[in-house]
Protein backbone atom coordinates (compact mmCIF):
# COMPACT_ATOMS: atom_id res chain seq x y z
CA MET A 1 8.38 61.42 -39.89
CA LYS A 2 10.99 59.36 -37.60
CA ALA A 3 8.97 59.67 -34.46
CA LYS A 4 5.85 58.22 -37.17
CA GLY A 5 8.42 54.85 -39.03
CA GLU A 6 9.68 54.06 -35.27
CA ARG A 7 5.97 53.63 -33.54
CA ARG A 8 5.38 51.83 -36.63
CA LYS A 9 8.23 49.64 -36.08
CA ALA A 10 7.31 48.99 -32.24
CA GLU A 11 3.83 48.19 -33.87
CA VAL A 12 5.16 45.55 -36.18
CA ARG A 13 7.08 43.95 -33.50
CA GLU A 14 4.14 44.17 -30.72
CA GLU A 15 1.79 42.25 -33.82
CA SER A 16 5.16 39.89 -34.61
CA GLY A 17 4.99 39.37 -30.58
CA ARG A 18 1.06 38.84 -30.23
CA GLY A 19 0.78 35.73 -33.47
CA TRP A 20 4.21 33.99 -32.05
CA PHE A 21 2.15 34.27 -29.08
CA SER A 22 -0.28 33.24 -30.34
CA PHE A 23 1.10 30.47 -32.59
CA LEU A 24 2.65 28.64 -29.75
CA LEU A 25 -0.50 28.48 -27.52
CA SER A 26 -2.14 27.02 -30.31
CA THR A 27 0.36 24.30 -30.89
CA PHE A 28 1.15 23.62 -27.36
CA SER A 29 -3.28 23.18 -26.82
CA PHE A 30 -3.49 20.99 -30.32
CA LEU A 31 -0.41 18.74 -28.97
CA LEU A 32 -2.01 19.15 -24.60
CA GLY A 33 -5.23 17.74 -26.79
CA CYS A 34 -3.62 15.09 -28.56
CA ALA A 35 -2.26 13.78 -25.44
CA VAL A 36 -5.58 14.23 -22.99
CA ALA A 37 -8.22 12.48 -26.02
CA PRO A 38 -6.88 8.57 -25.78
CA ALA A 39 -7.80 9.49 -21.73
CA VAL A 40 -10.81 10.43 -22.46
CA GLY A 41 -11.71 8.69 -25.15
CA ALA A 42 -10.52 5.35 -23.42
CA GLN A 43 -13.18 4.02 -20.74
CA PRO A 44 -12.20 1.59 -18.36
CA PHE A 45 -14.26 -2.17 -18.67
CA PRO A 46 -16.53 -2.56 -17.45
CA VAL A 47 -18.62 -0.20 -16.82
CA LYS A 48 -22.09 -1.51 -16.74
CA PRO A 49 -23.36 -5.09 -15.77
CA LEU A 50 -21.97 -7.78 -18.46
CA ARG A 51 -24.26 -9.99 -19.69
CA VAL A 52 -23.49 -14.20 -20.09
CA ILE A 53 -25.83 -16.45 -22.22
CA ASN A 54 -26.10 -20.13 -20.87
CA PRO A 55 -27.41 -22.06 -23.89
CA ALA A 56 -29.09 -24.25 -21.38
CA ALA A 57 -31.92 -24.24 -19.11
CA PRO A 58 -31.57 -23.03 -15.74
CA GLY A 59 -30.71 -26.32 -12.95
CA GLY A 60 -28.13 -27.44 -15.54
CA ASN A 61 -24.32 -27.66 -14.41
CA SER A 62 -23.37 -24.86 -15.72
CA ASP A 63 -25.92 -22.60 -13.89
CA ILE A 64 -24.65 -24.12 -11.03
CA PHE A 65 -20.67 -23.66 -12.09
CA PHE A 66 -21.77 -19.77 -12.84
CA ARG A 67 -24.36 -19.01 -9.77
CA LEU A 68 -21.24 -20.50 -7.74
CA LEU A 69 -18.64 -17.84 -9.43
CA SER A 70 -20.68 -14.71 -10.70
CA PRO A 71 -20.56 -13.02 -7.44
CA LYS A 72 -16.30 -13.69 -6.87
CA MET A 73 -16.26 -12.28 -11.28
CA GLY A 74 -18.43 -8.97 -9.89
CA GLU A 75 -16.18 -8.17 -7.07
CA ILE A 76 -13.35 -8.28 -9.32
CA LEU A 77 -14.85 -5.95 -12.14
CA GLY A 78 -17.19 -4.06 -10.39
CA GLN A 79 -19.76 -5.13 -12.04
CA GLN A 80 -22.80 -7.35 -12.17
CA LEU A 81 -22.95 -10.37 -13.98
CA ILE A 82 -26.30 -11.17 -15.00
CA ILE A 83 -27.24 -14.81 -16.84
CA ASP A 84 -29.36 -14.84 -20.54
CA TYR A 85 -30.95 -18.04 -20.67
CA ARG A 86 -31.06 -19.18 -23.83
CA PRO A 87 -31.51 -22.88 -24.47
CA GLY A 88 -32.29 -24.79 -27.87
CA ALA A 89 -30.90 -26.58 -30.41
CA GLY A 90 -27.79 -28.75 -28.74
CA GLY A 91 -26.48 -24.93 -27.13
CA THR A 92 -26.09 -23.59 -30.86
CA VAL A 93 -29.28 -21.07 -29.97
CA GLY A 94 -27.01 -18.89 -27.65
CA ALA A 95 -23.83 -20.27 -29.18
CA ASP A 96 -25.74 -18.10 -32.04
CA ILE A 97 -26.41 -15.08 -30.07
CA ILE A 98 -22.94 -14.96 -28.80
CA ALA A 99 -20.96 -14.74 -31.82
CA LYS A 100 -22.98 -12.49 -33.02
CA SER A 101 -22.77 -10.01 -30.78
CA PRO A 102 -20.97 -6.64 -29.97
CA PRO A 103 -17.36 -7.44 -29.60
CA ASP A 104 -17.15 -4.97 -26.86
CA GLY A 105 -16.42 -7.93 -23.99
CA TYR A 106 -20.15 -7.09 -22.22
CA THR A 107 -21.25 -10.55 -23.44
CA SER A 108 -20.03 -13.06 -23.20
CA GLY A 109 -21.42 -17.14 -22.42
CA ILE A 110 -20.84 -20.75 -21.00
CA VAL A 111 -20.18 -23.41 -23.78
CA ALA A 112 -20.71 -27.36 -22.65
CA GLY A 113 -18.77 -30.15 -23.75
CA SER A 114 -21.27 -30.25 -26.86
CA PHE A 115 -19.75 -26.70 -28.38
CA MET A 116 -17.17 -28.88 -29.72
CA ILE A 117 -19.03 -31.89 -30.56
CA ASN A 118 -21.23 -30.06 -33.08
CA PRO A 119 -18.95 -29.36 -35.56
CA SER A 120 -19.22 -32.75 -36.72
CA LEU A 121 -22.78 -33.99 -36.07
CA MET A 122 -24.78 -30.72 -37.77
CA ARG A 123 -24.09 -29.96 -40.74
CA LYS A 124 -24.89 -26.07 -40.97
CA LEU A 125 -24.27 -24.23 -38.04
CA PRO A 126 -24.99 -20.64 -38.25
CA TYR A 127 -21.66 -19.90 -37.09
CA ASP A 128 -18.04 -21.21 -36.90
CA THR A 129 -17.11 -22.70 -34.08
CA VAL A 130 -13.42 -22.07 -34.24
CA ARG A 131 -12.81 -18.40 -36.26
CA ASP A 132 -15.86 -16.33 -34.62
CA PHE A 133 -15.62 -16.75 -30.99
CA SER A 134 -13.01 -14.96 -28.72
CA PRO A 135 -11.67 -17.76 -25.72
CA LEU A 136 -11.49 -16.63 -22.61
CA GLY A 137 -11.23 -19.58 -20.96
CA LEU A 138 -12.04 -23.20 -19.41
CA ILE A 139 -14.06 -22.91 -16.74
CA VAL A 140 -14.02 -26.51 -15.34
CA ASP A 141 -13.17 -29.77 -16.24
CA VAL A 142 -16.22 -32.40 -15.58
CA PRO A 143 -14.96 -36.23 -16.51
CA ALA A 144 -17.23 -38.70 -17.36
CA GLY A 145 -17.63 -41.87 -15.26
CA THR A 146 -17.82 -45.16 -16.33
CA VAL A 147 -20.65 -46.95 -14.06
CA VAL A 148 -22.27 -50.13 -14.40
CA HIS A 149 -25.23 -51.66 -12.09
CA PRO A 150 -24.04 -53.68 -9.40
CA SER A 151 -25.11 -56.66 -10.54
CA LEU A 152 -23.01 -56.92 -13.63
CA PRO A 153 -20.15 -59.16 -12.22
CA VAL A 154 -17.72 -56.68 -13.44
CA ARG A 155 -14.98 -54.73 -10.55
CA SER A 156 -12.92 -52.69 -13.56
CA VAL A 157 -13.01 -51.85 -17.21
CA LYS A 158 -10.77 -54.50 -17.53
CA ASP A 159 -13.02 -57.00 -16.75
CA LEU A 160 -16.06 -55.09 -18.46
CA ILE A 161 -14.22 -55.76 -21.77
CA ALA A 162 -13.72 -58.62 -20.81
CA LEU A 163 -17.24 -59.08 -20.74
CA ALA A 164 -18.40 -57.42 -23.48
CA ARG A 165 -16.11 -59.63 -25.86
CA THR A 166 -17.82 -62.78 -24.82
CA ARG A 167 -21.21 -61.08 -25.13
CA PRO A 168 -20.84 -58.86 -28.34
CA GLY A 169 -24.30 -56.76 -28.15
CA GLU A 170 -25.77 -57.82 -25.87
CA LEU A 171 -24.82 -55.28 -23.07
CA ASN A 172 -26.32 -52.00 -23.39
CA PHE A 173 -25.74 -48.10 -21.82
CA SER A 174 -27.70 -45.02 -21.78
CA SER A 175 -26.94 -41.54 -22.88
CA SER A 176 -28.70 -38.41 -23.37
CA GLY A 177 -29.62 -38.72 -26.67
CA PRO A 178 -28.28 -39.69 -30.15
CA GLY A 179 -24.46 -37.42 -30.56
CA ALA A 180 -24.28 -36.75 -26.67
CA LEU A 181 -20.95 -37.15 -25.06
CA GLY A 182 -22.44 -40.25 -23.32
CA HIS A 183 -23.41 -41.57 -26.46
CA LEU A 184 -19.88 -40.60 -27.59
CA SER A 185 -18.19 -42.44 -24.52
CA GLY A 186 -19.67 -45.62 -25.84
CA GLU A 187 -18.98 -45.86 -29.17
CA LEU A 188 -14.78 -43.92 -28.26
CA LEU A 189 -14.67 -47.61 -26.05
CA ASN A 190 -16.26 -50.06 -28.84
CA SER A 191 -13.59 -47.98 -31.14
CA LEU A 192 -10.99 -48.03 -28.48
CA ALA A 193 -11.14 -51.62 -27.05
CA ARG A 194 -13.12 -53.50 -30.59
CA ILE A 195 -15.96 -54.58 -28.28
CA LYS A 196 -19.54 -54.19 -29.63
CA LEU A 197 -21.82 -52.25 -26.67
CA VAL A 198 -25.46 -51.01 -27.90
CA HIS A 199 -26.43 -47.65 -27.02
CA ILE A 200 -29.38 -47.39 -26.10
CA PRO A 201 -30.97 -43.45 -26.42
CA TYR A 202 -33.02 -41.43 -23.83
CA LYS A 203 -34.59 -37.90 -23.45
CA GLY A 204 -32.44 -36.81 -21.16
CA ILE A 205 -29.32 -38.19 -18.54
CA ALA A 206 -31.88 -38.35 -15.48
CA PRO A 207 -34.26 -41.00 -16.90
CA GLY A 208 -31.03 -43.21 -18.04
CA ILE A 209 -29.42 -43.03 -14.91
CA ILE A 210 -32.87 -43.73 -13.70
CA ASP A 211 -33.19 -47.32 -15.38
CA LEU A 212 -29.28 -48.07 -14.92
CA ILE A 213 -30.46 -47.99 -11.45
CA ALA A 214 -33.59 -50.02 -12.16
CA GLY A 215 -30.57 -52.52 -14.02
CA HIS A 216 -32.96 -52.25 -17.45
CA VAL A 217 -29.90 -51.25 -18.57
CA GLN A 218 -25.93 -52.51 -17.65
CA LEU A 219 -24.21 -49.18 -18.03
CA SER A 220 -23.98 -45.70 -18.54
CA PHE A 221 -20.48 -42.76 -19.53
CA ALA A 222 -22.22 -39.84 -17.74
CA SER A 223 -20.61 -36.60 -15.84
CA ILE A 224 -18.97 -37.35 -12.63
CA PRO A 225 -21.72 -34.64 -10.35
CA VAL A 226 -24.23 -36.33 -11.53
CA VAL A 227 -23.64 -40.15 -10.89
CA LEU A 228 -21.26 -39.74 -7.50
CA PRO A 229 -24.48 -39.53 -5.27
CA HIS A 230 -25.72 -43.03 -6.84
CA VAL A 231 -22.28 -44.26 -6.56
CA ARG A 232 -21.44 -43.67 -2.73
CA SER A 233 -25.47 -44.57 -1.61
CA GLY A 234 -24.03 -47.68 -3.77
CA ARG A 235 -27.01 -48.31 -6.25
CA LEU A 236 -24.32 -47.80 -9.04
CA ARG A 237 -20.64 -49.37 -9.31
CA LEU A 238 -17.97 -46.72 -10.68
CA LEU A 239 -15.52 -48.34 -12.34
CA ALA A 240 -12.76 -45.42 -13.82
CA GLN A 241 -13.24 -41.89 -14.45
CA GLY A 242 -12.82 -40.70 -18.17
CA GLY A 243 -10.37 -37.48 -17.17
CA ALA A 244 -6.27 -37.08 -18.54
CA LYS A 245 -5.97 -36.61 -15.00
CA ARG A 246 -7.89 -38.60 -11.10
CA ALA A 247 -10.10 -36.06 -10.57
CA ALA A 248 -8.96 -34.17 -6.34
CA SER A 249 -12.34 -35.49 -4.86
CA LEU A 250 -11.94 -39.32 -6.10
CA GLN A 251 -7.72 -39.79 -5.89
CA ASP A 252 -8.95 -43.26 -4.69
CA VAL A 253 -10.91 -44.28 -8.52
CA PRO A 254 -8.29 -44.51 -11.77
CA THR A 255 -8.78 -43.06 -14.86
CA MET A 256 -10.30 -45.08 -18.34
CA GLU A 257 -6.31 -44.59 -19.50
CA GLU A 258 -4.97 -45.87 -15.96
CA ALA A 259 -7.35 -48.71 -16.21
CA GLY A 260 -6.23 -50.29 -19.48
CA VAL A 261 -7.55 -48.34 -22.20
CA PRO A 262 -4.80 -45.99 -23.86
CA GLY A 263 -6.70 -42.63 -25.53
CA PHE A 264 -10.45 -43.10 -23.84
CA VAL A 265 -9.98 -39.67 -22.06
CA VAL A 266 -13.97 -37.45 -21.54
CA SER A 267 -14.67 -34.84 -20.04
CA SER A 268 -17.14 -31.93 -20.46
CA GLY A 269 -15.51 -29.32 -20.23
CA PHE A 270 -17.46 -25.35 -19.67
CA SER A 271 -15.63 -22.78 -21.06
CA LEU A 272 -16.45 -19.06 -20.95
CA VAL A 273 -15.70 -17.29 -24.61
CA GLY A 274 -17.28 -14.40 -26.09
CA PRO A 275 -17.40 -12.89 -29.94
CA ALA A 276 -14.55 -12.55 -32.08
CA ASN A 277 -12.66 -9.77 -31.73
CA ILE A 278 -12.57 -8.61 -28.13
CA PRO A 279 -9.34 -6.24 -27.89
CA ARG A 280 -6.62 -8.51 -26.25
CA PRO A 281 -6.73 -5.98 -22.61
CA ILE A 282 -10.37 -6.71 -22.43
CA ALA A 283 -10.40 -10.53 -22.69
CA GLU A 284 -7.40 -10.86 -20.86
CA LYS A 285 -9.29 -8.58 -18.27
CA LEU A 286 -12.47 -11.65 -18.11
CA ASN A 287 -10.14 -14.27 -17.96
CA ASP A 288 -8.09 -12.42 -14.65
CA ALA A 289 -11.28 -12.47 -13.29
CA LEU A 290 -12.31 -15.74 -14.05
CA ALA A 291 -9.08 -17.45 -13.33
CA LYS A 292 -9.36 -15.25 -9.81
CA ALA A 293 -12.82 -16.37 -9.31
CA LEU A 294 -12.09 -20.07 -9.33
CA ARG A 295 -9.39 -19.96 -7.09
CA ASP A 296 -11.32 -18.26 -4.36
CA PRO A 297 -10.51 -21.15 -1.70
CA ALA A 298 -14.17 -21.53 -0.83
CA ASN A 299 -15.32 -21.55 -4.68
CA ARG A 300 -12.72 -24.37 -5.27
CA LYS A 301 -13.55 -26.44 -2.85
CA ALA A 302 -16.97 -26.18 -4.01
CA LEU A 303 -16.68 -27.44 -7.83
CA ILE A 304 -14.08 -30.31 -6.20
CA ASP A 305 -16.78 -31.64 -4.03
CA GLY A 306 -19.22 -31.77 -6.31
CA GLY A 307 -17.29 -33.93 -9.30
CA ALA A 308 -15.52 -30.46 -11.07
CA GLU A 309 -12.04 -29.58 -11.62
CA PRO A 310 -11.68 -26.17 -11.62
CA ILE A 311 -9.16 -25.26 -14.41
CA GLY A 312 -9.02 -21.01 -15.15
CA ASN A 313 -6.15 -21.51 -17.91
CA THR A 314 -4.87 -19.23 -20.33
CA ILE A 315 -6.79 -17.19 -23.43
CA GLU A 316 -3.96 -19.75 -25.44
CA GLU A 317 -4.72 -22.76 -23.61
CA HIS A 318 -8.36 -22.56 -24.30
CA ALA A 319 -8.49 -21.79 -28.22
CA ALA A 320 -5.59 -25.09 -28.02
CA ILE A 321 -8.07 -26.84 -26.04
CA ILE A 322 -11.24 -25.88 -28.57
CA LYS A 323 -9.16 -26.89 -31.57
CA SER A 324 -8.22 -30.28 -30.47
CA GLU A 325 -12.37 -31.00 -28.78
CA ILE A 326 -12.78 -30.70 -32.44
CA GLU A 327 -10.74 -32.95 -34.25
CA LYS A 328 -11.28 -35.84 -31.26
CA TRP A 329 -15.09 -35.77 -31.95
CA ARG A 330 -14.71 -35.39 -35.58
CA LYS A 331 -12.66 -38.92 -35.88
CA VAL A 332 -14.72 -40.80 -32.99
CA ILE A 333 -18.43 -39.52 -35.08
CA LYS A 334 -16.52 -40.61 -38.04
CA ALA A 335 -15.76 -43.92 -36.70
CA ALA A 336 -19.19 -44.98 -35.24
CA GLY A 337 -21.21 -43.71 -39.11
CA ILE A 338 -22.70 -40.64 -37.29
CA GLU A 339 -24.16 -38.83 -40.23
CA PRO A 340 -24.22 -35.12 -39.41
CA GLN A 341 -27.94 -33.96 -39.28
């Protein structure tokens, strides 16, 4: 009986040991699983090509900038960037697609200055320009140039303002259409200088510049890349540039503020944005790839030679610019008496 009892005790101890071993093994497996699970679940970004929405038609500035920068960005990110053209309704069709895309970083888009103007021109946008987007960085700043026909007897912005005051309502300026940046630039100068230039809208800036060269209108406010070839050929005279500072390619041309119009800062900023709520690490990775592509010496030279200023700022700086530009153009549009459609 005693031997039998001792055997039973030994069996109990053995079973108990196995139980403790099983418990420790399962606990270790659980803890190991907790440590490994995030690493397994968190895939690196990106693992597939990225789609970039272009709310404009092929061949425009946004298309040129994207095609220049995308190879370097793709090299940095390790994936191809594929452009998806979605023009229409002043850029709102493409912007709406961006806003309604999954916030996983795989869809972003290039938006122009109209992105910040549209909230004041359109009564019912299908999105909120601030709330429904993730700022990913300002790509380039393309200043507007104040250009006149060579026959106009002015050599400076001060000359232009003085002439306009003696001939109110007689000097016409062309633009790509009502509410376009060129139109609002003229209205901004009217407001700041207390003059009356008359707006002549065209279906695109190209025909507007053709008529300016022909002398059918007297001046225009158009992006530097558009007017620079005509200025260099002598067919147009560039009085000033509209950026906050002189463009690297035009160091001998004053800004509008330097030329005597405080508060006149007009440029078309092309930006990279995504849908709201992109995870911060992914947003920072996209922002970093953009900044590095813009710092590439060959890319930088090509942009500057074309009249654009490479920027590549931070996410916070980009967000602040979007808000300030919306407010600036809201005031200009209200002062000009332009009714939202």
